[in-house]
All heavy atoms as atom14 arrays in JSON, in Angstrom:
{
  "sequence": "MKNVLKEVTVLTKEGEVLGNSPSFVVALG",
  "atom14_mask": [
    [1, 1, 1, 1, 1, 1, 1, 1, 0, 0, 0, 0, 0, 0],
    [1, 1, 1, 1, 1, 1, 1, 1, 1, 0, 0, 0, 0, 0],
    [1, 1, 1, 1, 1, 1, 1, 1, 0, 0, 0, 0, 0, 0],
    [1, 1, 1, 1, 1, 1, 1, 0, 0, 0, 0, 0, 0, 0],
    [1, 1, 1, 1, 1, 1, 1, 1, 0, 0, 0, 0, 0, 0],
    [1, 1, 1, 1, 1, 1, 1, 1, 1, 0, 0, 0, 0, 0],
    [1, 1, 1, 1, 1, 1, 1, 1, 1, 0, 0, 0, 0, 0],
    [1, 1, 1, 1, 1, 1, 1, 0, 0, 0, 0, 0, 0, 0],
    [1, 1, 1, 1, 1, 1, 1, 0, 0, 0, 0, 0, 0, 0],
    [1, 1, 1, 1, 1, 1, 1, 0, 0, 0, 0, 0, 0, 0],
    [1, 1, 1, 1, 1, 1, 1, 1, 0, 0, 0, 0, 0, 0],
    [1, 1, 1, 1, 1, 1, 1, 0, 0, 0, 0, 0, 0, 0],
    [1, 1, 1, 1, 1, 1, 1, 1, 1, 0, 0, 0, 0, 0],
    [1, 1, 1, 1, 1, 1, 1, 1, 1, 0, 0, 0, 0, 0],
    [1, 1, 1, 1, 0, 0, 0, 0, 0, 0, 0, 0, 0, 0],
    [1, 1, 1, 1, 1, 1, 1, 1, 1, 0, 0, 0, 0, 0],
    [1, 1, 1, 1, 1, 1, 1, 0, 0, 0, 0, 0, 0, 0],
    [1, 1, 1, 1, 1, 1, 1, 1, 0, 0, 0, 0, 0, 0],
    [1, 1, 1, 1, 0, 0, 0, 0, 0, 0, 0, 0, 0, 0],
    [1, 1, 1, 1, 1, 1, 1, 1, 0, 0, 0, 0, 0, 0],
    [1, 1, 1, 1, 1, 1, 0, 0, 0, 0, 0, 0, 0, 0],
    [1, 1, 1, 1, 1, 1, 1, 0, 0, 0, 0, 0, 0, 0],
    [1, 1, 1, 1, 1, 1, 0, 0, 0, 0, 0, 0, 0, 0],
    [1, 1, 1, 1, 1, 1, 1, 1, 1, 1, 1, 0, 0, 0],
    [1, 1, 1, 1, 1, 1, 1, 0, 0, 0, 0, 0, 0, 0],
    [1, 1, 1, 1, 1, 1, 1, 0, 0, 0, 0, 0, 0, 0],
    [1, 1, 1, 1, 1, 0, 0, 0, 0, 0, 0, 0, 0, 0],
    [1, 1, 1, 1, 1, 1, 1, 1, 0, 0, 0, 0, 0, 0],
    [1, 1, 1, 1, 0, 0, 0, 0, 0, 0, 0, 0, 0, 0]
  ],
  "atom14_positions": [
    [[4.21, 13.99, -13.52], [3.7, 12.58, -13.68], [3.89, 12.08, -15.07], [4.2, 10.89, -15.28], [2.28, 12.55, -13.21], [1.96, 12.87, -11.77], [2.87, 11.89, -10.64], [2.06, 10.28, -10.9], [0.0, 0.0, 0.0], [0.0, 0.0, 0.0], [0.0, 0.0, 0.0], [0.0, 0.0, 0.0], [0.0, 0.0, 0.0], [0.0, 0.0, 0.0]],
    [[3.69, 12.95, -16.02], [3.77, 12.51, -17.45], [5.19, 11.94, -17.81], [5.32, 11.25, -18.79], [3.48, 13.67, -18.28], [4.44, 14.75, -18.38], [3.96, 15.94, -19.33], [4.9, 17.09, -19.47], [6.23, 16.63, -19.95], [0.0, 0.0, 0.0], [0.0, 0.0, 0.0], [0.0, 0.0, 0.0], [0.0, 0.0, 0.0], [0.0, 0.0, 0.0]],
    [[6.14, 12.38, -17.03], [7.53, 11.89, -17.28], [7.8, 10.51, -16.94], [8.74, 9.88, -17.48], [8.55, 12.86, -16.6], [8.48, 14.28, -17.1], [8.13, 14.49, -18.19], [8.88, 15.23, -16.26], [0.0, 0.0, 0.0], [0.0, 0.0, 0.0], [0.0, 0.0, 0.0], [0.0, 0.0, 0.0], [0.0, 0.0, 0.0], [0.0, 0.0, 0.0]],
    [[6.98, 9.93, -16.07], [7.16, 8.55, -15.69], [5.99, 7.67, -15.92], [6.04, 6.44, -15.74], [7.51, 8.48, -14.14], [8.88, 9.07, -13.8], [6.39, 9.21, -13.27], [0.0, 0.0, 0.0], [0.0, 0.0, 0.0], [0.0, 0.0, 0.0], [0.0, 0.0, 0.0], [0.0, 0.0, 0.0], [0.0, 0.0, 0.0], [0.0, 0.0, 0.0]],
    [[4.88, 8.28, -16.35], [3.69, 7.5, -16.67], [3.8, 6.66, -17.87], [4.2, 7.1, -18.9], [2.51, 8.43, -16.81], [1.17, 7.83, -16.94], [0.79, 7.14, -15.59], [0.06, 8.88, -17.16], [0.0, 0.0, 0.0], [0.0, 0.0, 0.0], [0.0, 0.0, 0.0], [0.0, 0.0, 0.0], [0.0, 0.0, 0.0], [0.0, 0.0, 0.0]],
    [[3.53, 5.35, -17.68], [3.7, 4.37, -18.76], [2.34, 3.98, -19.35], [2.12, 3.94, -20.61], [4.45, 3.08, -18.27], [4.61, 2.04, -19.41], [5.36, 0.84, -18.71], [5.65, -0.16, -19.78], [6.33, -1.33, -19.26], [0.0, 0.0, 0.0], [0.0, 0.0, 0.0], [0.0, 0.0, 0.0], [0.0, 0.0, 0.0], [0.0, 0.0, 0.0]],
    [[1.32, 3.72, -18.49], [0.1, 3.24, -18.99], [-0.96, 3.6, -17.97], [-0.81, 3.48, -16.7], [0.11, 1.75, -19.19], [-1.23, 1.11, -19.65], [-1.02, -0.38, -19.76], [0.13, -0.81, -19.91], [-2.08, -1.06, -19.75], [0.0, 0.0, 0.0], [0.0, 0.0, 0.0], [0.0, 0.0, 0.0], [0.0, 0.0, 0.0], [0.0, 0.0, 0.0]],
    [[-2.19, 3.93, -18.39], [-3.4, 4.12, -17.52], [-4.55, 3.34, -18.13], [-4.8, 3.51, -19.29], [-3.68, 5.58, -17.33], [-5.07, 5.79, -16.45], [-2.58, 6.33, -16.74], [0.0, 0.0, 0.0], [0.0, 0.0, 0.0], [0.0, 0.0, 0.0], [0.0, 0.0, 0.0], [0.0, 0.0, 0.0], [0.0, 0.0, 0.0], [0.0, 0.0, 0.0]],
    [[-5.2, 2.62, -17.35], [-6.46, 1.92, -17.76], [-7.59, 2.6, -17.04], [-7.57, 2.81, -15.88], [-6.43, 0.4, -17.48], [-5.29, -0.21, -18.14], [-7.74, -0.21, -17.93], [0.0, 0.0, 0.0], [0.0, 0.0, 0.0], [0.0, 0.0, 0.0], [0.0, 0.0, 0.0], [0.0, 0.0, 0.0], [0.0, 0.0, 0.0], [0.0, 0.0, 0.0]],
    [[-8.64, 3.02, -17.86], [-9.66, 3.85, -17.32], [-11.01, 3.17, -17.41], [-11.24, 2.29, -18.25], [-9.81, 5.21, -17.98], [-8.37, 5.94, -17.87], [-10.2, 5.11, -19.49], [0.0, 0.0, 0.0], [0.0, 0.0, 0.0], [0.0, 0.0, 0.0], [0.0, 0.0, 0.0], [0.0, 0.0, 0.0], [0.0, 0.0, 0.0], [0.0, 0.0, 0.0]],
    [[-11.95, 3.53, -16.53], [-13.3, 3.17, -16.61], [-14.06, 4.48, -16.88], [-14.07, 5.36, -16.15], [-13.81, 2.64, -15.29], [-15.21, 2.2, -15.13], [-15.52, 0.97, -15.97], [-15.58, 1.95, -13.74], [0.0, 0.0, 0.0], [0.0, 0.0, 0.0], [0.0, 0.0, 0.0], [0.0, 0.0, 0.0], [0.0, 0.0, 0.0], [0.0, 0.0, 0.0]],
    [[-14.8, 4.42, -18.03], [-15.64, 5.67, -18.36], [-16.81, 5.77, -17.51], [-17.18, 4.93, -16.8], [-16.01, 5.57, -19.84], [-17.06, 4.61, -19.97], [-14.9, 5.35, -20.76], [0.0, 0.0, 0.0], [0.0, 0.0, 0.0], [0.0, 0.0, 0.0], [0.0, 0.0, 0.0], [0.0, 0.0, 0.0], [0.0, 0.0, 0.0], [0.0, 0.0, 0.0]],
    [[-17.36, 6.97, -17.54], [-18.55, 7.27, -16.66], [-19.73, 6.34, -17.02], [-20.67, 6.17, -16.28], [-18.97, 8.68, -16.72], [-19.31, 9.21, -18.09], [-19.75, 10.66, -18.07], [-20.11, 11.15, -19.37], [-20.54, 12.66, -19.32], [0.0, 0.0, 0.0], [0.0, 0.0, 0.0], [0.0, 0.0, 0.0], [0.0, 0.0, 0.0], [0.0, 0.0, 0.0]],
    [[-19.66, 5.74, -18.27], [-20.71, 4.75, -18.71], [-20.42, 3.46, -18.23], [-21.22, 2.47, -18.49], [-20.93, 4.82, -20.26], [-21.54, 6.1, -20.69], [-20.58, 7.35, -20.88], [-19.36, 6.99, -20.85], [-20.96, 8.46, -20.82], [0.0, 0.0, 0.0], [0.0, 0.0, 0.0], [0.0, 0.0, 0.0], [0.0, 0.0, 0.0], [0.0, 0.0, 0.0]],
    [[-19.25, 3.14, -17.67], [-18.85, 1.82, -17.3], [-17.97, 1.0, -18.27], [-17.83, -0.24, -18.01], [0.0, 0.0, 0.0], [0.0, 0.0, 0.0], [0.0, 0.0, 0.0], [0.0, 0.0, 0.0], [0.0, 0.0, 0.0], [0.0, 0.0, 0.0], [0.0, 0.0, 0.0], [0.0, 0.0, 0.0], [0.0, 0.0, 0.0], [0.0, 0.0, 0.0]],
    [[-17.53, 1.62, -19.31], [-16.63, 0.93, -20.24], [-15.17, 0.99, -19.84], [-14.6, 2.1, -19.53], [-16.84, 1.56, -21.57], [-16.02, 0.85, -22.74], [-16.05, 1.59, -24.06], [-16.8, 2.61, -24.09], [-15.42, 1.07, -25.0], [0.0, 0.0, 0.0], [0.0, 0.0, 0.0], [0.0, 0.0, 0.0], [0.0, 0.0, 0.0], [0.0, 0.0, 0.0]],
    [[-14.51, -0.07, -19.89], [-13.08, -0.21, -19.57], [-12.26, 0.03, -20.75], [-12.48, -0.55, -21.83], [-12.72, -1.54, -18.99], [-11.17, -1.64, -18.62], [-13.49, -1.8, -17.69], [0.0, 0.0, 0.0], [0.0, 0.0, 0.0], [0.0, 0.0, 0.0], [0.0, 0.0, 0.0], [0.0, 0.0, 0.0], [0.0, 0.0, 0.0], [0.0, 0.0, 0.0]],
    [[-11.36, 1.13, -20.68], [-10.42, 1.33, -21.74], [-8.96, 1.15, -21.31], [-8.57, 1.8, -20.34], [-10.64, 2.85, -22.16], [-12.04, 3.31, -22.49], [-12.02, 4.85, -22.89], [-12.49, 2.55, -23.74], [0.0, 0.0, 0.0], [0.0, 0.0, 0.0], [0.0, 0.0, 0.0], [0.0, 0.0, 0.0], [0.0, 0.0, 0.0], [0.0, 0.0, 0.0]],
    [[-8.31, 0.38, -22.06], [-6.87, 0.02, -21.7], [-6.7, -1.4, -21.39], [-7.62, -2.2, -21.3], [0.0, 0.0, 0.0], [0.0, 0.0, 0.0], [0.0, 0.0, 0.0], [0.0, 0.0, 0.0], [0.0, 0.0, 0.0], [0.0, 0.0, 0.0], [0.0, 0.0, 0.0], [0.0, 0.0, 0.0], [0.0, 0.0, 0.0], [0.0, 0.0, 0.0]],
    [[-5.43, -1.82, -21.07], [-5.18, -3.31, -20.96], [-4.74, -3.67, -19.54], [-4.33, -4.8, -19.3], [-3.99, -3.67, -21.94], [-4.38, -3.42, -23.36], [-5.49, -3.84, -23.77], [-3.56, -2.77, -24.18], [0.0, 0.0, 0.0], [0.0, 0.0, 0.0], [0.0, 0.0, 0.0], [0.0, 0.0, 0.0], [0.0, 0.0, 0.0], [0.0, 0.0, 0.0]],
    [[-4.62, -2.68, -18.58], [-4.21, -2.95, -17.2], [-5.3, -3.98, -16.55], [-6.43, -3.88, -17.04], [-3.97, -1.74, -16.42], [-2.9, -1.12, -17.01], [0.0, 0.0, 0.0], [0.0, 0.0, 0.0], [0.0, 0.0, 0.0], [0.0, 0.0, 0.0], [0.0, 0.0, 0.0], [0.0, 0.0, 0.0], [0.0, 0.0, 0.0], [0.0, 0.0, 0.0]],
    [[-4.92, -4.58, -15.51], [-5.88, -5.47, -14.82], [-6.96, -4.69, -14.08], [-7.8, -5.26, -13.48], [-5.05, -6.28, -13.83], [-3.94, -5.44, -13.59], [-3.62, -4.72, -14.87], [0.0, 0.0, 0.0], [0.0, 0.0, 0.0], [0.0, 0.0, 0.0], [0.0, 0.0, 0.0], [0.0, 0.0, 0.0], [0.0, 0.0, 0.0], [0.0, 0.0, 0.0]],
    [[-6.86, -3.37, -14.0], [-7.8, -2.51, -13.33], [-8.01, -1.22, -14.12], [-7.78, -1.25, -15.33], [-7.34, -2.29, -11.96], [-8.44, -1.97, -11.07], [0.0, 0.0, 0.0], [0.0, 0.0, 0.0], [0.0, 0.0, 0.0], [0.0, 0.0, 0.0], [0.0, 0.0, 0.0], [0.0, 0.0, 0.0], [0.0, 0.0, 0.0], [0.0, 0.0, 0.0]],
    [[-8.37, -0.21, -13.42], [-8.7, 1.01, -14.18], [-8.68, 2.31, -13.39], [-8.54, 2.25, -12.26], [-10.22, 0.93, -14.78], [-11.1, 0.47, -13.63], [-11.59, 1.41, -12.78], [-11.42, -0.85, -13.49], [-12.36, 0.93, -11.71], [-12.2, -1.29, -12.55], [-12.8, -0.4, -11.6], [0.0, 0.0, 0.0], [0.0, 0.0, 0.0], [0.0, 0.0, 0.0]],
    [[-8.63, 3.49, -14.08], [-8.78, 4.78, -13.48], [-10.25, 5.27, -13.8], [-10.5, 5.38, -14.94], [-7.94, 5.84, -14.07], [-8.2, 7.23, -13.53], [-6.52, 5.49, -13.96], [0.0, 0.0, 0.0], [0.0, 0.0, 0.0], [0.0, 0.0, 0.0], [0.0, 0.0, 0.0], [0.0, 0.0, 0.0], [0.0, 0.0, 0.0], [0.0, 0.0, 0.0]],
    [[-11.04, 5.58, -12.84], [-12.37, 5.98, -13.11], [-12.35, 7.47, -13.46], [-11.52, 8.22, -13.0], [-13.32, 5.87, -11.91], [-14.73, 6.06, -12.35], [-13.26, 4.48, -11.32], [0.0, 0.0, 0.0], [0.0, 0.0, 0.0], [0.0, 0.0, 0.0], [0.0, 0.0, 0.0], [0.0, 0.0, 0.0], [0.0, 0.0, 0.0], [0.0, 0.0, 0.0]],
    [[-13.33, 7.92, -14.21], [-13.33, 9.21, -14.61], [-14.0, 10.37, -13.9], [-14.96, 10.1, -13.24], [-13.64, 9.28, -16.08], [0.0, 0.0, 0.0], [0.0, 0.0, 0.0], [0.0, 0.0, 0.0], [0.0, 0.0, 0.0], [0.0, 0.0, 0.0], [0.0, 0.0, 0.0], [0.0, 0.0, 0.0], [0.0, 0.0, 0.0], [0.0, 0.0, 0.0]],
    [[-13.59, 11.65, -14.11], [-14.26, 12.75, -13.56], [-14.97, 13.61, -14.61], [-14.48, 13.72, -15.63], [-13.22, 13.67, -12.98], [-12.79, 13.56, -11.45], [-11.93, 14.77, -11.21], [-13.97, 13.56, -10.57], [0.0, 0.0, 0.0], [0.0, 0.0, 0.0], [0.0, 0.0, 0.0], [0.0, 0.0, 0.0], [0.0, 0.0, 0.0], [0.0, 0.0, 0.0]],
    [[-16.16, 14.12, -14.3], [-16.83, 14.9, -15.08], [-17.07, 14.4, -16.46], [-17.56, 13.18, -16.63], [0.0, 0.0, 0.0], [0.0, 0.0, 0.0], [0.0, 0.0, 0.0], [0.0, 0.0, 0.0], [0.0, 0.0, 0.0], [0.0, 0.0, 0.0], [0.0, 0.0, 0.0], [0.0, 0.0, 0.0], [0.0, 0.0, 0.0], [0.0, 0.0, 0.0]]
  ]
}
C-alpha cells in the first residue's frame, strides 16, 4: 500500500481531523 498511497486524512480518537482530504481515516487504539 505504501507504494501507491498519496494522502490519508485521519480522525483522531479525540475527534480531531488531521489532513486535507474531504473525509478521514478513523484511528485504532
